[in-house]
Amino acid sequence: TATFTHTRTPTDTSTPTDTYTITETHTPTDTATDTATFTHTRTPTDTSTPTDTYTITETYTPTDTPTDTATFTSTHTPTDTSTPTPYWQKYGSDVSPDMADCPSIDMEDSSGAILIAYKDISAGGENKASMRRKLSTGDWDLISAGDLFTIGEAQYISMAQYSSLPFIGCVDVGSNSQPAVYYYTGGGIGLLGGVFVDTAESRYTSADLDSSGVVYLAYKRMTDNALVVKKFAGSWGEPGGTGSSVVTNAVGDALSLFVYNTTPYVAYQDTGNSNRASVRVWDGSSWQLVGSAGFSSNAVESLSLYVYGPNNVYIAYRDI
């Protein structure tokens, strides 16, 4: 963009006369002084090849991700999943120092000690009853200083215990074969109640106790072949009213008593059913058959009874 400023200076070329006509001829000479002011606006054309140079500034926003470090203490108790082969082994040394017969076994409630009553048939034993006791350690010891405690020969020995006190039922031949129950008092062994259970000659005694510690004894009374059950509640008496002690008059040569809670059951060789097995229970008023009479296939002997509940009665016997 150009801006021009024009300055004109005139030059006079005439010759003066007195009379004259002046014709002015002007030849202008322009002397131009140009003052130019330029405003240049350039739009460059970038012919460079750009090289990108990056400067990376890392800005971190930390995220707290906790890492738990656990220290474990492992206690390994191995579980044996194998099936061991059961086997029998002798428990301690010989119970009796010499020959014995009619053993009966039980376990003390408090200590777990094993109690065994038996007939000592050694030369000095006189076939009397004796009893020994053994804990899990140690040897068999006499339960009382009095080794032999029956009056005479002991037959049909049957032992039961209550609160770690043993009671031994038997027939004491030394007292006309009367049925008896001996018990350990802590200071010695004596006759329960101070008397025999019955004055009659008897056989096949079987003793047990109910859940409150009342002692029962079952036996065969030889005078009338009656199966009799008596209980001791301060003195020997019948389980119910008068006459309730006689279960049946058809008992043979084998019987077994079991008292479940406070209910007595008795199994016996039933002579009224070809010497097969029968079981009766005292229902509070009479002796009732459990199942059918003479239920075994054949005649039996050497009975053993166990009751786990009113509908769980078990009996083992020798089938003859």
Protein backbone atom coordinates (compact mmCIF):
# COMPACT_ATOMS: atom_id res chain seq x y z
CA THR A 1 0.00 0.00 0.00
CA ALA A 2 1.74 3.39 -1.24
CA THR A 3 0.95 6.94 -0.10
CA PHE A 4 2.34 9.91 -2.24
CA THR A 5 2.88 13.57 -1.16
CA HIS A 6 3.31 16.13 -4.19
CA THR A 7 5.21 19.48 -3.70
CA ARG A 8 5.38 21.92 -6.77
CA THR A 9 7.96 24.88 -7.07
CA PRO A 10 7.34 27.33 -10.17
CA THR A 11 10.33 28.97 -12.19
CA ASP A 12 9.84 32.53 -13.90
CA THR A 13 11.57 32.72 -17.49
CA SER A 14 10.13 36.13 -18.93
CA THR A 15 12.21 39.21 -20.17
CA PRO A 16 10.76 42.52 -18.92
CA THR A 17 10.19 45.51 -21.30
CA ASP A 18 8.54 48.67 -20.67
CA THR A 19 5.68 47.69 -22.75
CA TYR A 20 5.20 44.28 -22.86
CA THR A 21 2.75 41.69 -22.85
CA ILE A 22 3.56 38.99 -20.59
CA THR A 23 2.47 35.61 -21.51
CA GLU A 24 3.27 33.32 -18.82
CA THR A 25 4.38 30.03 -19.95
CA HIS A 26 4.68 27.76 -17.15
CA THR A 27 6.62 24.56 -17.38
CA PRO A 28 6.05 23.00 -14.16
CA THR A 29 8.70 20.72 -12.88
CA ASP A 30 7.37 18.34 -10.49
CA THR A 31 9.74 17.15 -7.97
CA ALA A 32 8.09 14.46 -6.22
CA THR A 33 9.26 13.20 -2.92
CA ASP A 34 7.72 9.93 -2.32
CA THR A 35 7.33 8.81 1.27
CA ALA A 36 6.25 5.28 1.32
CA THR A 37 4.99 3.55 4.40
CA PHE A 38 4.74 -0.14 3.96
CA THR A 39 2.79 -2.44 6.10
CA HIS A 40 3.92 -5.98 5.33
CA THR A 41 1.85 -8.85 6.27
CA ARG A 42 3.52 -12.17 5.50
CA THR A 43 1.85 -15.47 5.69
CA PRO A 44 4.73 -17.95 5.84
CA THR A 45 4.53 -21.23 4.10
CA ASP A 46 5.95 -23.83 6.47
CA THR A 47 8.03 -26.19 4.36
CA SER A 48 9.63 -27.86 7.37
CA THR A 49 9.10 -31.47 8.18
CA PRO A 50 8.02 -31.49 11.79
CA THR A 51 9.80 -33.72 14.17
CA ASP A 52 7.66 -34.54 17.16
CA THR A 53 9.53 -34.53 20.40
CA TYR A 54 7.47 -35.65 23.36
CA THR A 55 8.21 -34.89 26.91
CA ILE A 56 6.09 -37.14 29.12
CA THR A 57 5.45 -36.04 32.61
CA GLU A 58 3.88 -38.84 34.60
CA THR A 59 1.34 -37.83 37.15
CA TYR A 60 0.35 -40.66 39.51
CA THR A 61 -2.83 -40.84 41.43
CA PRO A 62 -2.06 -43.71 43.84
CA THR A 63 -4.70 -46.32 44.39
CA ASP A 64 -4.23 -48.11 47.67
CA THR A 65 -4.67 -51.80 47.00
CA PRO A 66 -3.83 -53.56 50.26
CA THR A 67 -1.94 -56.81 50.06
CA ASP A 68 -2.65 -59.07 53.01
CA THR A 69 0.28 -61.09 54.20
CA ALA A 70 -0.97 -64.00 56.27
CA THR A 71 1.17 -66.12 58.51
CA PHE A 72 -0.32 -69.54 59.05
CA THR A 73 0.52 -71.92 61.84
CA SER A 74 -0.64 -75.35 60.82
CA THR A 75 -1.23 -78.05 63.40
CA HIS A 76 -1.81 -81.32 61.65
CA THR A 77 -3.66 -84.05 63.47
CA PRO A 78 -3.64 -87.08 61.25
CA THR A 79 -6.86 -89.02 60.92
CA ASP A 80 -6.35 -92.70 60.69
CA THR A 81 -8.81 -93.91 58.08
CA SER A 82 -7.58 -97.45 58.15
CA THR A 83 -9.75 -100.15 59.62
CA PRO A 84 -7.84 -101.76 62.45
CA THR A 85 -8.15 -105.46 62.94
CA PRO A 86 -9.67 -106.03 66.39
CA TYR A 87 -8.10 -108.61 68.57
CA TRP A 88 -8.39 -109.98 72.08
CA GLN A 89 -5.60 -109.65 74.59
CA LYS A 90 -5.19 -110.64 78.17
CA TYR A 91 -6.04 -107.93 80.69
CA GLY A 92 -3.28 -107.96 83.23
CA SER A 93 -2.05 -111.13 84.88
CA ASP A 94 -4.15 -114.04 86.10
CA VAL A 95 -7.02 -112.81 88.27
CA SER A 96 -6.86 -115.62 90.79
CA PRO A 97 -3.66 -117.14 92.11
CA ASP A 98 -5.07 -120.63 91.59
CA MET A 99 -8.09 -122.44 90.10
CA ALA A 100 -11.45 -120.67 89.94
CA ASP A 101 -15.01 -121.18 88.69
CA CYS A 102 -18.29 -119.27 88.12
CA PRO A 103 -16.74 -115.85 87.32
CA SER A 104 -18.92 -112.74 87.08
CA ILE A 105 -17.64 -109.35 85.88
CA ASP A 106 -18.65 -105.69 86.16
CA MET A 107 -17.04 -102.24 86.07
CA GLU A 108 -16.99 -99.49 88.70
CA ASP A 109 -18.85 -96.32 87.73
CA SER A 110 -16.39 -93.85 89.21
CA SER A 111 -12.94 -95.26 88.43
CA GLY A 112 -13.54 -97.69 85.58
CA ALA A 113 -11.89 -100.44 87.62
CA ILE A 114 -12.82 -103.98 86.63
CA LEU A 115 -14.43 -106.15 89.31
CA ILE A 116 -14.52 -109.93 89.16
CA ALA A 117 -16.22 -112.25 91.63
CA TYR A 118 -15.53 -115.98 91.39
CA LYS A 119 -15.51 -119.26 93.25
CA ASP A 120 -12.06 -120.16 94.54
CA ILE A 121 -11.65 -123.88 93.89
CA SER A 122 -8.01 -124.05 94.90
CA ALA A 123 -6.90 -126.35 97.68
CA GLY A 124 -7.29 -123.62 100.29
CA GLY A 125 -10.21 -121.86 98.69
CA GLU A 126 -12.89 -124.25 99.97
CA ASN A 127 -15.00 -123.31 96.90
CA LYS A 128 -15.98 -120.08 98.59
CA ALA A 129 -16.60 -116.79 96.84
CA SER A 130 -13.82 -114.26 96.39
CA MET A 131 -13.58 -110.94 94.60
CA ARG A 132 -10.74 -108.98 93.04
CA ARG A 133 -10.37 -105.55 91.50
CA LYS A 134 -8.04 -104.07 88.90
CA LEU A 135 -7.51 -100.53 87.63
CA SER A 136 -6.10 -99.83 84.17
CA THR A 137 -2.63 -100.02 85.74
CA GLY A 138 -1.35 -102.29 88.43
CA ASP A 139 -2.38 -105.84 89.21
CA TRP A 140 -5.44 -107.62 90.52
CA ASP A 141 -6.01 -106.88 94.19
CA LEU A 142 -8.37 -108.33 96.72
CA ILE A 143 -11.23 -105.93 97.26
CA SER A 144 -11.33 -106.86 100.93
CA ALA A 145 -8.85 -108.25 103.42
CA GLY A 146 -11.27 -111.14 103.88
CA ASP A 147 -10.44 -113.14 100.77
CA LEU A 148 -13.24 -115.71 101.12
CA PHE A 149 -16.55 -114.26 102.27
CA THR A 150 -19.29 -116.90 101.92
CA ILE A 151 -20.09 -119.33 104.70
CA GLY A 152 -19.56 -122.32 102.49
CA GLU A 153 -19.31 -123.17 98.80
CA ALA A 154 -20.61 -120.44 96.52
CA GLN A 155 -22.71 -121.42 93.51
CA TYR A 156 -24.26 -119.44 90.64
CA ILE A 157 -22.29 -116.29 91.36
CA SER A 158 -23.77 -113.12 89.81
CA MET A 159 -22.32 -109.66 90.44
CA ALA A 160 -23.62 -106.13 89.79
CA GLN A 161 -22.42 -102.76 91.06
CA TYR A 162 -23.99 -99.41 91.85
CA SER A 163 -21.98 -96.25 92.48
CA SER A 164 -18.82 -98.38 92.59
CA LEU A 165 -20.24 -100.65 95.33
CA PRO A 166 -20.35 -104.31 94.25
CA PHE A 167 -23.18 -106.69 95.14
CA ILE A 168 -22.73 -110.46 94.69
CA GLY A 169 -25.68 -112.80 94.43
CA CYS A 170 -25.14 -116.52 94.96
CA VAL A 171 -26.36 -119.67 96.57
CA ASP A 172 -24.43 -120.31 99.78
CA VAL A 173 -24.19 -124.05 100.23
CA GLY A 174 -22.80 -123.46 103.72
CA SER A 175 -26.23 -122.14 104.73
CA ASN A 176 -28.50 -124.89 103.36
CA SER A 177 -28.12 -123.57 99.79
CA GLN A 178 -30.08 -120.45 100.57
CA PRO A 179 -29.97 -117.52 98.15
CA ALA A 180 -27.89 -114.57 99.36
CA VAL A 181 -26.55 -111.21 98.32
CA TYR A 182 -23.20 -110.11 99.70
CA TYR A 183 -21.96 -106.55 99.31
CA TYR A 184 -18.84 -104.51 99.91
CA THR A 185 -19.31 -101.89 102.60
CA GLY A 186 -15.95 -100.19 102.21
CA GLY A 187 -14.57 -101.92 105.26
CA GLY A 188 -15.39 -105.47 104.34
CA ILE A 189 -17.91 -107.77 102.68
CA GLY A 190 -21.13 -108.64 104.47
CA LEU A 191 -24.56 -110.17 103.96
CA LEU A 192 -27.03 -107.58 102.59
CA GLY A 193 -29.69 -106.94 105.20
CA GLY A 194 -27.90 -109.37 107.51
CA VAL A 195 -30.15 -112.22 106.31
CA PHE A 196 -30.52 -114.60 103.40
CA VAL A 197 -33.02 -113.70 100.71
CA ASP A 198 -35.07 -116.89 101.19
CA THR A 199 -35.01 -119.72 103.69
CA ALA A 200 -35.69 -122.32 101.02
CA GLU A 201 -33.07 -124.25 99.08
CA SER A 202 -32.51 -122.47 95.79
CA ARG A 203 -30.57 -122.54 92.48
CA TYR A 204 -29.54 -120.31 89.55
CA THR A 205 -29.27 -116.92 91.25
CA SER A 206 -29.08 -113.76 89.08
CA ALA A 207 -28.55 -110.29 90.59
CA ASP A 208 -29.06 -106.76 89.24
CA LEU A 209 -29.76 -103.21 90.46
CA ASP A 210 -32.22 -100.62 89.23
CA SER A 211 -31.37 -97.02 88.33
CA SER A 212 -31.78 -95.86 91.95
CA GLY A 213 -29.62 -98.59 93.46
CA VAL A 214 -32.34 -101.01 94.60
CA VAL A 215 -31.01 -104.57 94.54
CA TYR A 216 -32.97 -107.38 92.84
CA LEU A 217 -32.30 -111.11 92.95
CA ALA A 218 -33.92 -113.79 90.79
CA TYR A 219 -33.59 -117.50 91.61
CA LYS A 220 -35.28 -120.84 91.30
CA ARG A 221 -36.87 -122.01 94.54
CA MET A 222 -36.49 -125.77 94.67
CA THR A 223 -39.46 -126.51 96.96
CA ASP A 224 -42.03 -125.54 94.29
CA ASN A 225 -39.85 -125.02 91.16
CA ALA A 226 -40.87 -121.38 91.18
CA LEU A 227 -38.98 -118.60 89.46
CA VAL A 228 -38.83 -115.95 92.20
CA VAL A 229 -37.78 -112.29 92.05
CA LYS A 230 -37.13 -110.36 95.26
CA LYS A 231 -35.92 -106.80 95.82
CA PHE A 232 -34.16 -105.14 98.75
CA ALA A 233 -35.61 -101.85 99.97
CA GLY A 234 -34.29 -101.82 103.54
CA SER A 235 -35.38 -105.44 103.77
CA TRP A 236 -36.08 -108.23 101.31
CA GLY A 237 -39.57 -108.16 99.84
CA GLU A 238 -41.65 -108.63 96.73
CA PRO A 239 -41.54 -106.27 93.73
CA GLY A 240 -45.28 -105.58 93.99
CA GLY A 241 -48.07 -106.80 96.21
CA THR A 242 -48.34 -110.13 97.98
CA GLY A 243 -47.49 -113.01 95.67
CA SER A 244 -45.81 -110.77 93.09
CA SER A 245 -42.43 -112.38 93.64
CA VAL A 246 -43.40 -115.59 91.83
CA VAL A 247 -42.93 -115.17 88.09
CA THR A 248 -43.83 -118.71 87.05
CA ASN A 249 -43.75 -122.29 88.31
CA ALA A 250 -42.44 -123.58 85.02
CA VAL A 251 -38.78 -122.65 85.25
CA GLY A 252 -36.07 -125.09 84.31
CA ASP A 253 -32.35 -125.00 84.90
CA ALA A 254 -31.45 -121.54 83.54
CA LEU A 255 -32.52 -117.95 84.14
CA SER A 256 -31.21 -114.38 83.79
CA LEU A 257 -32.40 -111.11 85.37
CA PHE A 258 -32.06 -107.58 84.00
CA VAL A 259 -33.54 -104.41 85.54
CA TYR A 260 -34.16 -101.62 83.02
CA ASN A 261 -34.52 -98.32 84.91
CA THR A 262 -36.85 -99.66 87.63
CA THR A 263 -38.55 -102.42 85.63
CA PRO A 264 -37.34 -106.02 86.12
CA TYR A 265 -37.20 -108.47 83.20
CA VAL A 266 -36.36 -112.14 83.52
CA ALA A 267 -35.50 -114.73 80.87
CA TYR A 268 -35.77 -118.42 81.69
CA GLN A 269 -35.83 -121.96 80.41
CA ASP A 270 -39.56 -122.58 80.11
CA THR A 271 -40.43 -126.16 81.12
CA GLY A 272 -43.99 -125.50 80.04
CA ASN A 273 -42.76 -124.97 76.46
CA SER A 274 -40.29 -127.82 75.90
CA ASN A 275 -37.49 -125.96 77.71
CA ARG A 276 -37.47 -123.21 75.11
CA ALA A 277 -36.74 -119.58 76.01
CA SER A 278 -39.35 -117.22 77.42
CA VAL A 279 -39.08 -113.67 78.80
CA ARG A 280 -41.38 -111.90 81.26
CA VAL A 281 -41.56 -108.34 82.59
CA TRP A 282 -43.15 -106.86 85.70
CA ASP A 283 -45.66 -104.27 84.43
CA GLY A 284 -46.54 -102.94 87.89
CA SER A 285 -49.29 -105.44 88.58
CA SER A 286 -48.26 -108.81 87.11
CA TRP A 287 -45.56 -110.65 85.19
CA GLN A 288 -46.34 -110.40 81.49
CA LEU A 289 -44.81 -112.30 78.59
CA VAL A 290 -42.52 -110.32 76.32
CA GLY A 291 -43.48 -111.61 72.90
CA SER A 292 -44.55 -115.23 72.76
CA ALA A 293 -43.76 -118.01 75.21
CA GLY A 294 -41.11 -120.50 74.16
CA PHE A 295 -39.97 -118.38 71.20
CA SER A 296 -36.63 -120.14 70.59
CA SER A 297 -36.46 -122.82 67.93
CA ASN A 298 -35.06 -125.41 70.33
CA ALA A 299 -34.50 -126.01 74.01
CA VAL A 300 -32.00 -123.65 75.64
CA GLU A 301 -29.65 -123.34 78.58
CA SER A 302 -27.05 -120.87 79.90
CA LEU A 303 -29.22 -117.78 79.32
CA SER A 304 -28.02 -114.16 79.39
CA LEU A 305 -30.44 -111.22 79.13
CA TYR A 306 -29.91 -107.55 78.24
CA VAL A 307 -32.57 -104.86 77.93
CA TYR A 308 -31.87 -101.61 76.08
CA GLY A 309 -35.48 -100.41 76.22
CA PRO A 310 -39.04 -101.76 76.27
CA ASN A 311 -38.79 -102.72 72.60
CA ASN A 312 -35.11 -103.67 72.62
CA VAL A 313 -34.78 -106.87 74.59
CA TYR A 314 -31.83 -109.14 73.80
CA ILE A 315 -31.16 -112.69 74.91
CA ALA A 316 -28.20 -114.99 74.35
CA TYR A 317 -28.33 -118.71 75.13
CA ARG A 318 -26.94 -122.10 74.30
CA ASP A 319 -29.19 -123.89 71.81
CA ILE A 320 -29.53 -127.56 72.79
